[in-house]
Amino acid sequence: MIVVGGGPAGLTAAIQTAARGLSVAVFEGKSWGGVLSTIYPNKKILNFPGLPDNTLGRDFVTNLLKQAHDLGVAMKNEFVNEVSPEKVVKTSMGEYRARAVIIATGTLPLACGIPGETDFTKGDKGVYYYVSYPEKFMGKRVLVYGNGEQALESALALENIADKITFAYKEKDLVGFDKNVKAVKRSDRIKLLPKTELVKIEGTDTVEKVVLHDLDEDEDFELVVDMVVLAVGMTPNTDIYRKLGVETDERGFIKVDRDQRTNIEGIYAVGDVTTDLQLLVVAVSQGATAAHRVSEYIQKQKGF
């Protein structure tokens, strides 16, 4: 079996399948651990029952990787370019054939598509999509743009680190878990700019200022900042599966049945790439379900 994606859902599927005696390989072209490594490495895990209170995202990933390694799972740092209906996985380094494939590529941050955005996203030039390492923002003037949990958590992560935090969003009010909304509203270090749209990001070598638009007054204004966090949401990472022909819903999430099967025989999907209910416990549950059903499917293929 091949798993495409080394996040919690994919690693769980690999661990559970390998534990049943099957040969398993996991392909990950970026960071092992998915969002737990890229977005939440230093955040305590609060939505997984039974974990110790001080378990961080990176700790959970470390444990998953150790379990996978101990069970003999082949961990391949290769970017997957294509998956065929025949279960052939093409990577940057070669082709691999499997009896079944589990898609676990998660989600990617949504881009705003505004002028200046792509100029500063690489090389720590000032535009980010999440706050993985808050220390980078130490003493900086930061604009957090967006709404919902991603934006709320970004602002709160910087509350006692950044020199100045401005939180701009197009809506009239904040949206998200009540606890986080209240925490942001009562903070005297986070300035809220409701009904405000980000129009442009400007600077020379790094970010120096942004242009915002006041939706009530219908006028632009400038704000001097050092860094911008674009927390406008996530989108399913499904580009490489377009040729494969897996069905998706109107939002781009891969459609699966209760056994995590897609519309293509032998192709399964798990985790955030299948649902907007992006909870660790859900991802792990889906991974375990897929592992069980894939094991049955492969044993049936082999005539056992």
C-alpha atoms as a PDB file:
ATOM      1  CA  MET A   1       0.000   0.000   0.000  1.00  0.00           C
ATOM      2  CA  ILE A   2       1.094   3.554  -0.667  1.00  0.00           C
ATOM      3  CA  VAL A   3       0.054   6.566   1.388  1.00  0.00           C
ATOM      4  CA  VAL A   4       0.437   9.985  -0.232  1.00  0.00           C
ATOM      5  CA  GLY A   5       0.894  12.494   2.572  1.00  0.00           C
ATOM      6  CA  GLY A   6       2.723  12.241   5.891  1.00  0.00           C
ATOM      7  CA  GLY A   7       0.314  14.039   8.209  1.00  0.00           C
ATOM      8  CA  PRO A   8      -1.554  12.489  11.169  1.00  0.00           C
ATOM      9  CA  ALA A   9      -4.205  10.816   8.983  1.00  0.00           C
ATOM     10  CA  GLY A  10      -1.698   9.352   6.546  1.00  0.00           C
ATOM     11  CA  LEU A  11       0.738   8.199   9.232  1.00  0.00           C
ATOM     12  CA  THR A  12      -2.077   6.582  11.227  1.00  0.00           C
ATOM     13  CA  ALA A  13      -3.227   4.725   8.120  1.00  0.00           C
ATOM     14  CA  ALA A  14       0.340   3.557   7.495  1.00  0.00           C
ATOM     15  CA  ILE A  15       0.877   2.438  11.103  1.00  0.00           C
ATOM     16  CA  GLN A  16      -2.395   0.541  11.299  1.00  0.00           C
ATOM     17  CA  THR A  17      -1.868  -1.162   7.933  1.00  0.00           C
ATOM     18  CA  ALA A  18       1.746  -2.102   8.664  1.00  0.00           C
ATOM     19  CA  ALA A  19       0.621  -3.557  11.982  1.00  0.00           C
ATOM     20  CA  ARG A  20      -1.512  -5.975   9.968  1.00  0.00           C
ATOM     21  CA  GLY A  21       1.586  -7.272   8.198  1.00  0.00           C
ATOM     22  CA  LEU A  22       1.298  -5.423   4.889  1.00  0.00           C
ATOM     23  CA  SER A  23       4.106  -3.602   3.105  1.00  0.00           C
ATOM     24  CA  VAL A  24       3.559   0.161   3.344  1.00  0.00           C
ATOM     25  CA  ALA A  25       5.294   3.237   1.960  1.00  0.00           C
ATOM     26  CA  VAL A  26       4.473   6.863   2.803  1.00  0.00           C
ATOM     27  CA  PHE A  27       5.429   9.700   0.469  1.00  0.00           C
ATOM     28  CA  GLU A  28       5.852  13.234   1.805  1.00  0.00           C
ATOM     29  CA  GLY A  29       7.316  16.026  -0.297  1.00  0.00           C
ATOM     30  CA  LYS A  30       7.324  18.700   2.401  1.00  0.00           C
ATOM     31  CA  SER A  31       7.061  18.454   6.191  1.00  0.00           C
ATOM     32  CA  TRP A  32       6.324  15.212   8.012  1.00  0.00           C
ATOM     33  CA  GLY A  33       3.357  15.755  10.293  1.00  0.00           C
ATOM     34  CA  GLY A  34       1.258  18.038   8.087  1.00  0.00           C
ATOM     35  CA  VAL A  35      -0.298  21.020   9.854  1.00  0.00           C
ATOM     36  CA  LEU A  36       1.023  19.808  13.212  1.00  0.00           C
ATOM     37  CA  SER A  37       4.502  20.587  11.907  1.00  0.00           C
ATOM     38  CA  THR A  38       3.832  23.599   9.686  1.00  0.00           C
ATOM     39  CA  ILE A  39       1.176  25.480  11.662  1.00  0.00           C
ATOM     40  CA  TYR A  40       1.012  24.017  15.179  1.00  0.00           C
ATOM     41  CA  PRO A  41       4.445  22.600  16.144  1.00  0.00           C
ATOM     42  CA  ASN A  42       4.518  24.511  19.422  1.00  0.00           C
ATOM     43  CA  LYS A  43       0.815  24.436  20.217  1.00  0.00           C
ATOM     44  CA  LYS A  44      -0.649  22.173  22.873  1.00  0.00           C
ATOM     45  CA  ILE A  45      -3.063  19.595  21.471  1.00  0.00           C
ATOM     46  CA  LEU A  46      -6.450  20.208  23.064  1.00  0.00           C
ATOM     47  CA  ASN A  47      -8.845  18.320  20.768  1.00  0.00           C
ATOM     48  CA  PHE A  48      -7.576  14.751  21.237  1.00  0.00           C
ATOM     49  CA  PRO A  49      -9.036  12.946  24.282  1.00  0.00           C
ATOM     50  CA  GLY A  50      -6.605  11.173  26.577  1.00  0.00           C
ATOM     51  CA  LEU A  51      -3.393  12.966  25.676  1.00  0.00           C
ATOM     52  CA  PRO A  52      -1.296  14.535  28.445  1.00  0.00           C
ATOM     53  CA  ASP A  53      -2.055  18.242  28.866  1.00  0.00           C
ATOM     54  CA  ASN A  54       1.390  19.348  27.746  1.00  0.00           C
ATOM     55  CA  THR A  55       1.528  17.384  24.461  1.00  0.00           C
ATOM     56  CA  LEU A  56       2.687  19.673  21.649  1.00  0.00           C
ATOM     57  CA  GLY A  57       2.063  19.209  17.949  1.00  0.00           C
ATOM     58  CA  ARG A  58       5.691  18.286  17.286  1.00  0.00           C
ATOM     59  CA  ASP A  59       5.614  15.701  20.110  1.00  0.00           C
ATOM     60  CA  PHE A  60       2.639  13.937  18.565  1.00  0.00           C
ATOM     61  CA  VAL A  61       4.368  13.867  15.167  1.00  0.00           C
ATOM     62  CA  THR A  62       7.574  12.480  16.685  1.00  0.00           C
ATOM     63  CA  ASN A  63       5.619   9.617  18.275  1.00  0.00           C
ATOM     64  CA  LEU A  64       3.799   8.827  15.020  1.00  0.00           C
ATOM     65  CA  LEU A  65       7.047   8.753  13.051  1.00  0.00           C
ATOM     66  CA  LYS A  66       8.696   6.468  15.608  1.00  0.00           C
ATOM     67  CA  GLN A  67       5.773   4.047  15.508  1.00  0.00           C
ATOM     68  CA  ALA A  68       5.831   3.978  11.713  1.00  0.00           C
ATOM     69  CA  HIS A  69       9.592   3.413  11.644  1.00  0.00           C
ATOM     70  CA  ASP A  70       9.412   0.629  14.233  1.00  0.00           C
ATOM     71  CA  LEU A  71       6.793  -1.170  12.119  1.00  0.00           C
ATOM     72  CA  GLY A  72       8.968  -1.017   9.019  1.00  0.00           C
ATOM     73  CA  VAL A  73       7.031   1.612   7.098  1.00  0.00           C
ATOM     74  CA  ALA A  74       9.111   2.990   4.206  1.00  0.00           C
ATOM     75  CA  MET A  75       9.310   6.765   4.652  1.00  0.00           C
ATOM     76  CA  LYS A  76       9.979   8.458   1.317  1.00  0.00           C
ATOM     77  CA  ASN A  77      10.854  12.166   1.103  1.00  0.00           C
ATOM     78  CA  GLU A  78       9.571  12.425  -2.450  1.00  0.00           C
ATOM     79  CA  PHE A  79       7.048  14.816  -3.965  1.00  0.00           C
ATOM     80  CA  VAL A  80       4.206  12.965  -5.697  1.00  0.00           C
ATOM     81  CA  ASN A  81       3.345  14.396  -9.111  1.00  0.00           C
ATOM     82  CA  GLU A  82       0.582  12.026 -10.165  1.00  0.00           C
ATOM     83  CA  VAL A  83      -1.481   8.999  -9.128  1.00  0.00           C
ATOM     84  CA  SER A  84      -3.105   6.812 -11.783  1.00  0.00           C
ATOM     85  CA  PRO A  85      -6.296   4.683 -11.527  1.00  0.00           C
ATOM     86  CA  GLU A  86      -3.977   1.661 -11.850  1.00  0.00           C
ATOM     87  CA  LYS A  87      -2.403   2.664  -8.509  1.00  0.00           C
ATOM     88  CA  VAL A  88       0.846   3.832 -10.066  1.00  0.00           C
ATOM     89  CA  VAL A  89       2.369   6.672  -8.056  1.00  0.00           C
ATOM     90  CA  LYS A  90       4.746   8.952  -9.960  1.00  0.00           C
ATOM     91  CA  THR A  91       7.174  11.006  -7.924  1.00  0.00           C
ATOM     92  CA  SER A  92      10.068  13.329  -8.560  1.00  0.00           C
ATOM     93  CA  MET A  93      12.385  10.306  -8.328  1.00  0.00           C
ATOM     94  CA  GLY A  94      10.521   7.451 -10.012  1.00  0.00           C
ATOM     95  CA  GLU A  95       7.362   5.360 -10.287  1.00  0.00           C
ATOM     96  CA  TYR A  96       5.883   2.975  -7.744  1.00  0.00           C
ATOM     97  CA  ARG A  97       3.014   0.498  -8.053  1.00  0.00           C
ATOM     98  CA  ALA A  98       0.722  -0.522  -5.211  1.00  0.00           C
ATOM     99  CA  ARG A  99      -2.350  -2.645  -4.647  1.00  0.00           C
ATOM    100  CA  ALA A 100      -4.082   0.303  -2.962  1.00  0.00           C
ATOM    101  CA  VAL A 101      -3.426   4.014  -2.441  1.00  0.00           C
ATOM    102  CA  ILE A 102      -4.551   6.257   0.395  1.00  0.00           C
ATOM    103  CA  ILE A 103      -4.687   9.988  -0.352  1.00  0.00           C
ATOM    104  CA  ALA A 104      -3.808  12.053   2.715  1.00  0.00           C
ATOM    105  CA  THR A 105      -2.472  15.328   1.333  1.00  0.00           C
ATOM    106  CA  GLY A 106      -4.447  17.602   3.651  1.00  0.00           C
ATOM    107  CA  THR A 107      -4.977  21.282   2.944  1.00  0.00           C
ATOM    108  CA  LEU A 108      -3.003  24.331   1.870  1.00  0.00           C
ATOM    109  CA  PRO A 109      -3.375  27.948   2.977  1.00  0.00           C
ATOM    110  CA  LEU A 110      -5.566  30.042   0.709  1.00  0.00           C
ATOM    111  CA  ALA A 111      -3.811  32.860  -1.071  1.00  0.00           C
ATOM    112  CA  CYS A 112      -5.457  36.282  -1.204  1.00  0.00           C
ATOM    113  CA  GLY A 113      -4.241  37.051  -4.704  1.00  0.00           C
ATOM    114  CA  ILE A 114      -3.524  40.690  -3.912  1.00  0.00           C
ATOM    115  CA  PRO A 115      -0.713  42.835  -5.369  1.00  0.00           C
ATOM    116  CA  GLY A 116       2.559  42.325  -3.526  1.00  0.00           C
ATOM    117  CA  GLU A 117       1.578  39.047  -1.863  1.00  0.00           C
ATOM    118  CA  THR A 118       3.847  36.713  -3.815  1.00  0.00           C
ATOM    119  CA  ASP A 119       6.754  39.177  -3.654  1.00  0.00           C
ATOM    120  CA  PHE A 120       7.229  38.593   0.069  1.00  0.00           C
ATOM    121  CA  THR A 121       6.140  34.984   0.738  1.00  0.00           C
ATOM    122  CA  LYS A 122       9.533  33.327   0.293  1.00  0.00           C
ATOM    123  CA  GLY A 123      12.754  33.865   2.180  1.00  0.00           C
ATOM    124  CA  ASP A 124      11.223  35.406   5.309  1.00  0.00           C
ATOM    125  CA  LYS A 125      10.442  38.668   3.554  1.00  0.00           C
ATOM    126  CA  GLY A 126       7.366  39.387   5.647  1.00  0.00           C
ATOM    127  CA  VAL A 127       4.278  37.565   4.332  1.00  0.00           C
ATOM    128  CA  TYR A 128       3.164  34.371   6.083  1.00  0.00           C
ATOM    129  CA  TYR A 129       0.058  32.205   6.093  1.00  0.00           C
ATOM    130  CA  TYR A 130       0.357  30.960   9.666  1.00  0.00           C
ATOM    131  CA  VAL A 131       2.418  31.523  12.812  1.00  0.00           C
ATOM    132  CA  SER A 132       4.559  28.399  13.174  1.00  0.00           C
ATOM    133  CA  TYR A 133       7.400  30.064  15.065  1.00  0.00           C
ATOM    134  CA  PRO A 134       6.187  33.123  17.004  1.00  0.00           C
ATOM    135  CA  GLU A 135       9.745  34.162  17.866  1.00  0.00           C
ATOM    136  CA  LYS A 136      10.177  35.347  14.261  1.00  0.00           C
ATOM    137  CA  PHE A 137       7.662  38.090  15.040  1.00  0.00           C
ATOM    138  CA  MET A 138       9.431  39.316  18.174  1.00  0.00           C
ATOM    139  CA  GLY A 139       9.202  43.107  18.423  1.00  0.00           C
ATOM    140  CA  LYS A 140       7.584  43.457  14.989  1.00  0.00           C
ATOM    141  CA  ARG A 141       4.568  45.416  13.787  1.00  0.00           C
ATOM    142  CA  VAL A 142       2.208  42.761  12.452  1.00  0.00           C
ATOM    143  CA  LEU A 143      -1.016  42.792  10.453  1.00  0.00           C
ATOM    144  CA  VAL A 144      -3.186  39.689  10.834  1.00  0.00           C
ATOM    145  CA  TYR A 145      -5.732  39.547   8.022  1.00  0.00           C
ATOM    146  CA  GLY A 146      -8.685  37.170   7.867  1.00  0.00           C
ATOM    147  CA  ASN A 147     -11.319  35.758  10.176  1.00  0.00           C
ATOM    148  CA  GLY A 148     -12.136  32.460  11.849  1.00  0.00           C
ATOM    149  CA  GLU A 149      -9.974  30.152  13.963  1.00  0.00           C
ATOM    150  CA  GLN A 150      -6.839  30.425  11.856  1.00  0.00           C
ATOM    151  CA  ALA A 151      -6.801  34.208  12.182  1.00  0.00           C
ATOM    152  CA  LEU A 152      -7.841  34.243  15.846  1.00  0.00           C
ATOM    153  CA  GLU A 153      -5.135  31.775  16.833  1.00  0.00           C
ATOM    154  CA  SER A 154      -2.543  33.710  14.847  1.00  0.00           C
ATOM    155  CA  ALA A 155      -3.362  36.939  16.661  1.00  0.00           C
ATOM    156  CA  LEU A 156      -3.358  35.265  20.070  1.00  0.00           C
ATOM    157  CA  ALA A 157      -0.052  33.505  19.371  1.00  0.00           C
ATOM    158  CA  LEU A 158       1.550  36.902  18.810  1.00  0.00           C
ATOM    159  CA  GLU A 159      -0.175  38.745  21.668  1.00  0.00           C
ATOM    160  CA  ASN A 160       2.825  38.823  23.992  1.00  0.00           C
ATOM    161  CA  ILE A 161       5.513  38.669  21.320  1.00  0.00           C
ATOM    162  CA  ALA A 162       4.869  41.216  18.566  1.00  0.00           C
ATOM    163  CA  ASP A 163       5.353  44.920  19.293  1.00  0.00           C
ATOM    164  CA  LYS A 164       2.051  45.867  17.687  1.00  0.00           C
ATOM    165  CA  ILE A 165      -0.770  43.690  16.322  1.00  0.00           C
ATOM    166  CA  THR A 166      -3.485  44.935  13.991  1.00  0.00           C
ATOM    167  CA  PHE A 167      -6.266  42.478  13.211  1.00  0.00           C
ATOM    168  CA  ALA A 168      -8.228  43.398  10.067  1.00  0.00           C
ATOM    169  CA  TYR A 169     -11.219  41.512   8.670  1.00  0.00           C
ATOM    170  CA  LYS A 170     -13.974  42.223   6.160  1.00  0.00           C
ATOM    171  CA  GLU A 171     -16.862  41.118   8.342  1.00  0.00           C
ATOM    172  CA  LYS A 172     -18.650  43.193  10.976  1.00  0.00           C
ATOM    173  CA  ASP A 173     -17.643  40.855  13.794  1.00  0.00           C
ATOM    174  CA  LEU A 174     -15.181  38.117  14.591  1.00  0.00           C
ATOM    175  CA  VAL A 175     -16.043  34.503  13.801  1.00  0.00           C
ATOM    176  CA  GLY A 176     -14.751  31.450  15.671  1.00  0.00           C
ATOM    177  CA  PHE A 177     -14.821  29.599  18.958  1.00  0.00           C
ATOM    178  CA  ASP A 178     -16.353  31.826  21.639  1.00  0.00           C
ATOM    179  CA  LYS A 179     -13.308  31.410  23.886  1.00  0.00           C
ATOM    180  CA  ASN A 180     -10.907  32.739  21.250  1.00  0.00           C
ATOM    181  CA  VAL A 181     -13.227  35.532  20.113  1.00  0.00           C
ATOM    182  CA  LYS A 182     -13.518  36.813  23.686  1.00  0.00           C
ATOM    183  CA  ALA A 183      -9.761  36.539  24.244  1.00  0.00           C
ATOM    184  CA  VAL A 184      -9.022  38.640  21.166  1.00  0.00           C
ATOM    185  CA  LYS A 185     -11.659  41.248  21.999  1.00  0.00           C
ATOM    186  CA  ARG A 186     -10.461  41.769  25.559  1.00  0.00           C
ATOM    187  CA  SER A 187      -6.795  41.980  24.613  1.00  0.00           C
ATOM    188  CA  ASP A 188      -5.351  45.477  24.919  1.00  0.00           C
ATOM    189  CA  ARG A 189      -2.503  44.496  22.576  1.00  0.00           C
ATOM    190  CA  ILE A 190      -4.639  43.596  19.546  1.00  0.00           C
ATOM    191  CA  LYS A 191      -6.199  46.447  17.588  1.00  0.00           C
ATOM    192  CA  LEU A 192      -9.327  45.369  15.695  1.00  0.00           C
ATOM    193  CA  LEU A 193     -10.243  46.782  12.270  1.00  0.00           C
ATOM    194  CA  PRO A 194     -13.625  45.331  11.282  1.00  0.00           C
ATOM    195  CA  LYS A 195     -15.123  45.845   7.819  1.00  0.00           C
ATOM    196  CA  THR A 196     -11.643  46.394   6.426  1.00  0.00           C
ATOM    197  CA  GLU A 197     -10.169  44.808   3.294  1.00  0.00           C
ATOM    198  CA  LEU A 198      -6.507  44.290   2.497  1.00  0.00           C
ATOM    199  CA  VAL A 199      -5.785  45.830  -0.899  1.00  0.00           C
ATOM    200  CA  LYS A 200      -2.012  45.768  -1.358  1.00  0.00           C
ATOM    201  CA  ILE A 201       1.282  44.829   0.321  1.00  0.00           C
ATOM    202  CA  GLU A 202       4.233  47.106  -0.353  1.00  0.00           C
ATOM    203  CA  GLY A 203       7.959  47.248   0.360  1.00  0.00           C
ATOM    204  CA  THR A 204      11.402  46.969  -1.201  1.00  0.00           C
ATOM    205  CA  ASP A 205      13.360  43.954   0.048  1.00  0.00           C
ATOM    206  CA  THR A 206      10.856  43.209   2.824  1.00  0.00           C
ATOM    207  CA  VAL A 207       7.333  44.269   3.798  1.00  0.00           C
ATOM    208  CA  GLU A 208       7.138  47.924   4.821  1.00  0.00           C
ATOM    209  CA  LYS A 209       3.456  48.827   4.666  1.00  0.00           C
ATOM    210  CA  VAL A 210       0.009  47.724   3.526  1.00  0.00           C
ATOM    211  CA  VAL A 211      -2.893  49.470   1.861  1.00  0.00           C
ATOM    212  CA  LEU A 212      -6.258  48.786   3.490  1.00  0.00           C
ATOM    213  CA  HIS A 213      -9.774  49.737   2.406  1.00  0.00           C
ATOM    214  CA  ASP A 214     -12.390  50.925   4.894  1.00  0.00           C
ATOM    215  CA  LEU A 215     -15.616  49.326   3.637  1.00  0.00           C
ATOM    216  CA  ASP A 216     -17.854  51.730   5.596  1.00  0.00           C
ATOM    217  CA  GLU A 217     -16.118  54.904   4.477  1.00  0.00           C
ATOM    218  CA  ASP A 218     -15.199  53.490   1.049  1.00  0.00           C
ATOM    219  CA  GLU A 219     -11.683  54.842   1.202  1.00  0.00           C
ATOM    220  CA  ASP A 220      -8.117  53.523   1.275  1.00  0.00           C
ATOM    221  CA  PHE A 221      -5.557  54.125   4.001  1.00  0.00           C
ATOM    222  CA  GLU A 222      -2.001  52.974   4.679  1.00  0.00           C
ATOM    223  CA  LEU A 223      -0.585  51.128   7.674  1.00  0.00           C
ATOM    224  CA  VAL A 224       3.126  50.713   8.414  1.00  0.00           C
ATOM    225  CA  VAL A 225       3.910  47.073   9.243  1.00  0.00           C
ATOM    226  CA  ASP A 226       6.891  44.710   9.228  1.00  0.00           C
ATOM    227  CA  MET A 227       4.997  41.456   8.736  1.00  0.00           C
ATOM    228  CA  VAL A 228       1.648  40.251   7.418  1.00  0.00           C
ATOM    229  CA  VAL A 229      -0.162  37.024   8.345  1.00  0.00           C
ATOM    230  CA  LEU A 230      -2.743  36.092   5.709  1.00  0.00           C
ATOM    231  CA  ALA A 231      -5.076  33.789   7.643  1.00  0.00           C
ATOM    232  CA  VAL A 232      -7.988  33.609   5.217  1.00  0.00           C
ATOM    233  CA  GLY A 233      -8.559  29.865   5.344  1.00  0.00           C
ATOM    234  CA  MET A 234      -7.390  26.564   3.915  1.00  0.00           C
ATOM    235  CA  THR A 235      -8.150  24.715   0.680  1.00  0.00           C
ATOM    236  CA  PRO A 236      -7.925  20.957  -0.077  1.00  0.00           C
ATOM    237  CA  ASN A 237      -4.593  19.937  -1.613  1.00  0.00           C
ATOM    238  CA  THR A 238      -5.954  18.009  -4.601  1.00  0.00           C
ATOM    239  CA  ASP A 239      -4.214  19.414  -7.680  1.00  0.00           C
ATOM    240  CA  ILE A 240      -2.197  16.270  -8.360  1.00  0.00           C
ATOM    241  CA  TYR A 241      -5.377  14.147  -8.492  1.00  0.00           C
ATOM    242  CA  ARG A 242      -7.143  15.951 -11.317  1.00  0.00           C
ATOM    243  CA  LYS A 243      -5.995  13.400 -13.910  1.00  0.00           C
ATOM    244  CA  LEU A 244      -6.927  10.597 -11.531  1.00  0.00           C
ATOM    245  CA  GLY A 245     -10.592  11.576 -11.660  1.00  0.00           C
ATOM    246  CA  VAL A 246     -11.564  11.337  -8.012  1.00  0.00           C
ATOM    247  CA  GLU A 247     -14.876  13.042  -7.307  1.00  0.00           C
ATOM    248  CA  THR A 248     -14.854  16.197  -5.198  1.00  0.00           C
ATOM    249  CA  ASP A 249     -17.619  18.325  -3.735  1.00  0.00           C
ATOM    250  CA  GLU A 250     -18.327  21.957  -4.603  1.00  0.00           C
ATOM    251  CA  ARG A 251     -15.630  23.103  -2.140  1.00  0.00           C
ATOM    252  CA  GLY A 252     -12.958  20.804  -3.536  1.00  0.00           C
ATOM    253  CA  PHE A 253     -12.937  18.141  -0.801  1.00  0.00           C
ATOM    254  CA  ILE A 254     -12.573  14.548  -2.022  1.00  0.00           C
ATOM    255  CA  LYS A 255     -15.802  12.571  -1.688  1.00  0.00           C
ATOM    256  CA  VAL A 256     -15.540   9.346   0.308  1.00  0.00           C
ATOM    257  CA  ASP A 257     -17.964   6.787   1.692  1.00  0.00           C
ATOM    258  CA  ARG A 258     -18.103   5.580   5.295  1.00  0.00           C
ATOM    259  CA  ASP A 259     -15.095   3.312   4.620  1.00  0.00           C
ATOM    260  CA  GLN A 260     -13.026   6.212   3.195  1.00  0.00           C
ATOM    261  CA  ARG A 261     -13.287   4.835  -0.357  1.00  0.00           C
ATOM    262  CA  THR A 262     -13.313   7.243  -3.296  1.00  0.00           C
ATOM    263  CA  ASN A 263     -15.156   6.624  -6.555  1.00  0.00           C
ATOM    264  CA  ILE A 264     -12.112   4.798  -7.931  1.00  0.00           C
ATOM    265  CA  GLU A 265     -11.514   1.210  -6.855  1.00  0.00           C
ATOM    266  CA  GLY A 266      -8.504   0.795  -4.615  1.00  0.00           C
ATOM    267  CA  ILE A 267      -8.128   4.538  -4.009  1.00  0.00           C
ATOM    268  CA  TYR A 268      -8.995   5.830  -0.534  1.00  0.00           C
ATOM    269  CA  ALA A 269      -8.788   9.301   1.027  1.00  0.00           C
ATOM    270  CA  VAL A 270      -8.463  10.433   4.641  1.00  0.00           C
ATOM    271  CA  GLY A 271      -8.032  13.539   6.775  1.00  0.00           C
ATOM    272  CA  ASP A 272      -8.413  17.213   5.952  1.00  0.00           C
ATOM    273  CA  VAL A 273      -8.456  16.572   2.202  1.00  0.00           C
ATOM    274  CA  THR A 274     -11.919  15.030   2.705  1.00  0.00           C
ATOM    275  CA  THR A 275     -13.611  17.335   5.234  1.00  0.00           C
ATOM    276  CA  ASP A 276     -13.676  20.834   6.671  1.00  0.00           C
ATOM    277  CA  LEU A 277     -14.034  19.298  10.157  1.00  0.00           C
ATOM    278  CA  GLN A 278     -10.300  19.665  10.650  1.00  0.00           C
ATOM    279  CA  LEU A 279      -9.766  17.981  13.990  1.00  0.00           C
ATOM    280  CA  LEU A 280      -6.845  15.716  14.858  1.00  0.00           C
ATOM    281  CA  VAL A 281      -9.135  13.082  16.334  1.00  0.00           C
ATOM    282  CA  VAL A 282     -11.141  12.954  13.090  1.00  0.00           C
ATOM    283  CA  ALA A 283      -8.024  12.616  10.937  1.00  0.00           C
ATOM    284  CA  VAL A 284      -6.678   9.766  13.052  1.00  0.00           C
ATOM    285  CA  SER A 285     -10.063   8.024  13.064  1.00  0.00           C
ATOM    286  CA  GLN A 286     -10.317   8.208   9.288  1.00  0.00           C
ATOM    287  CA  GLY A 287      -6.778   6.894   8.936  1.00  0.00           C
ATOM    288  CA  ALA A 288      -7.579   3.889  11.110  1.00  0.00           C
ATOM    289  CA  THR A 289     -10.810   3.201   9.207  1.00  0.00           C
ATOM    290  CA  ALA A 290      -9.044   3.317   5.850  1.00  0.00           C
ATOM    291  CA  ALA A 291      -6.256   1.041   7.108  1.00  0.00           C
ATOM    292  CA  HIS A 292      -8.760  -1.610   8.155  1.00  0.00           C
ATOM    293  CA  ARG A 293     -10.681  -1.483   4.863  1.00  0.00           C
ATOM    294  CA  VAL A 294      -7.542  -1.378   2.722  1.00  0.00           C
ATOM    295  CA  SER A 295      -6.198  -4.428   4.530  1.00  0.00           C
ATOM    296  CA  GLU A 296      -9.413  -6.296   3.768  1.00  0.00           C
ATOM    297  CA  TYR A 297      -9.294  -5.135   0.149  1.00  0.00           C
ATOM    298  CA  ILE A 298      -5.698  -6.280  -0.385  1.00  0.00           C
ATOM    299  CA  GLN A 299      -6.231  -9.634   1.332  1.00  0.00           C
ATOM    300  CA  LYS A 300      -9.207 -10.212  -0.959  1.00  0.00           C
ATOM    301  CA  GLN A 301      -7.048  -9.351  -3.990  1.00  0.00           C
ATOM    302  CA  LYS A 302      -4.470 -11.906  -2.884  1.00  0.00           C
ATOM    303  CA  GLY A 303      -7.137 -14.531  -2.466  1.00  0.00           C
ATOM    304  CA  PHE A 304      -6.869 -14.895   1.339  1.00  0.00           C
END
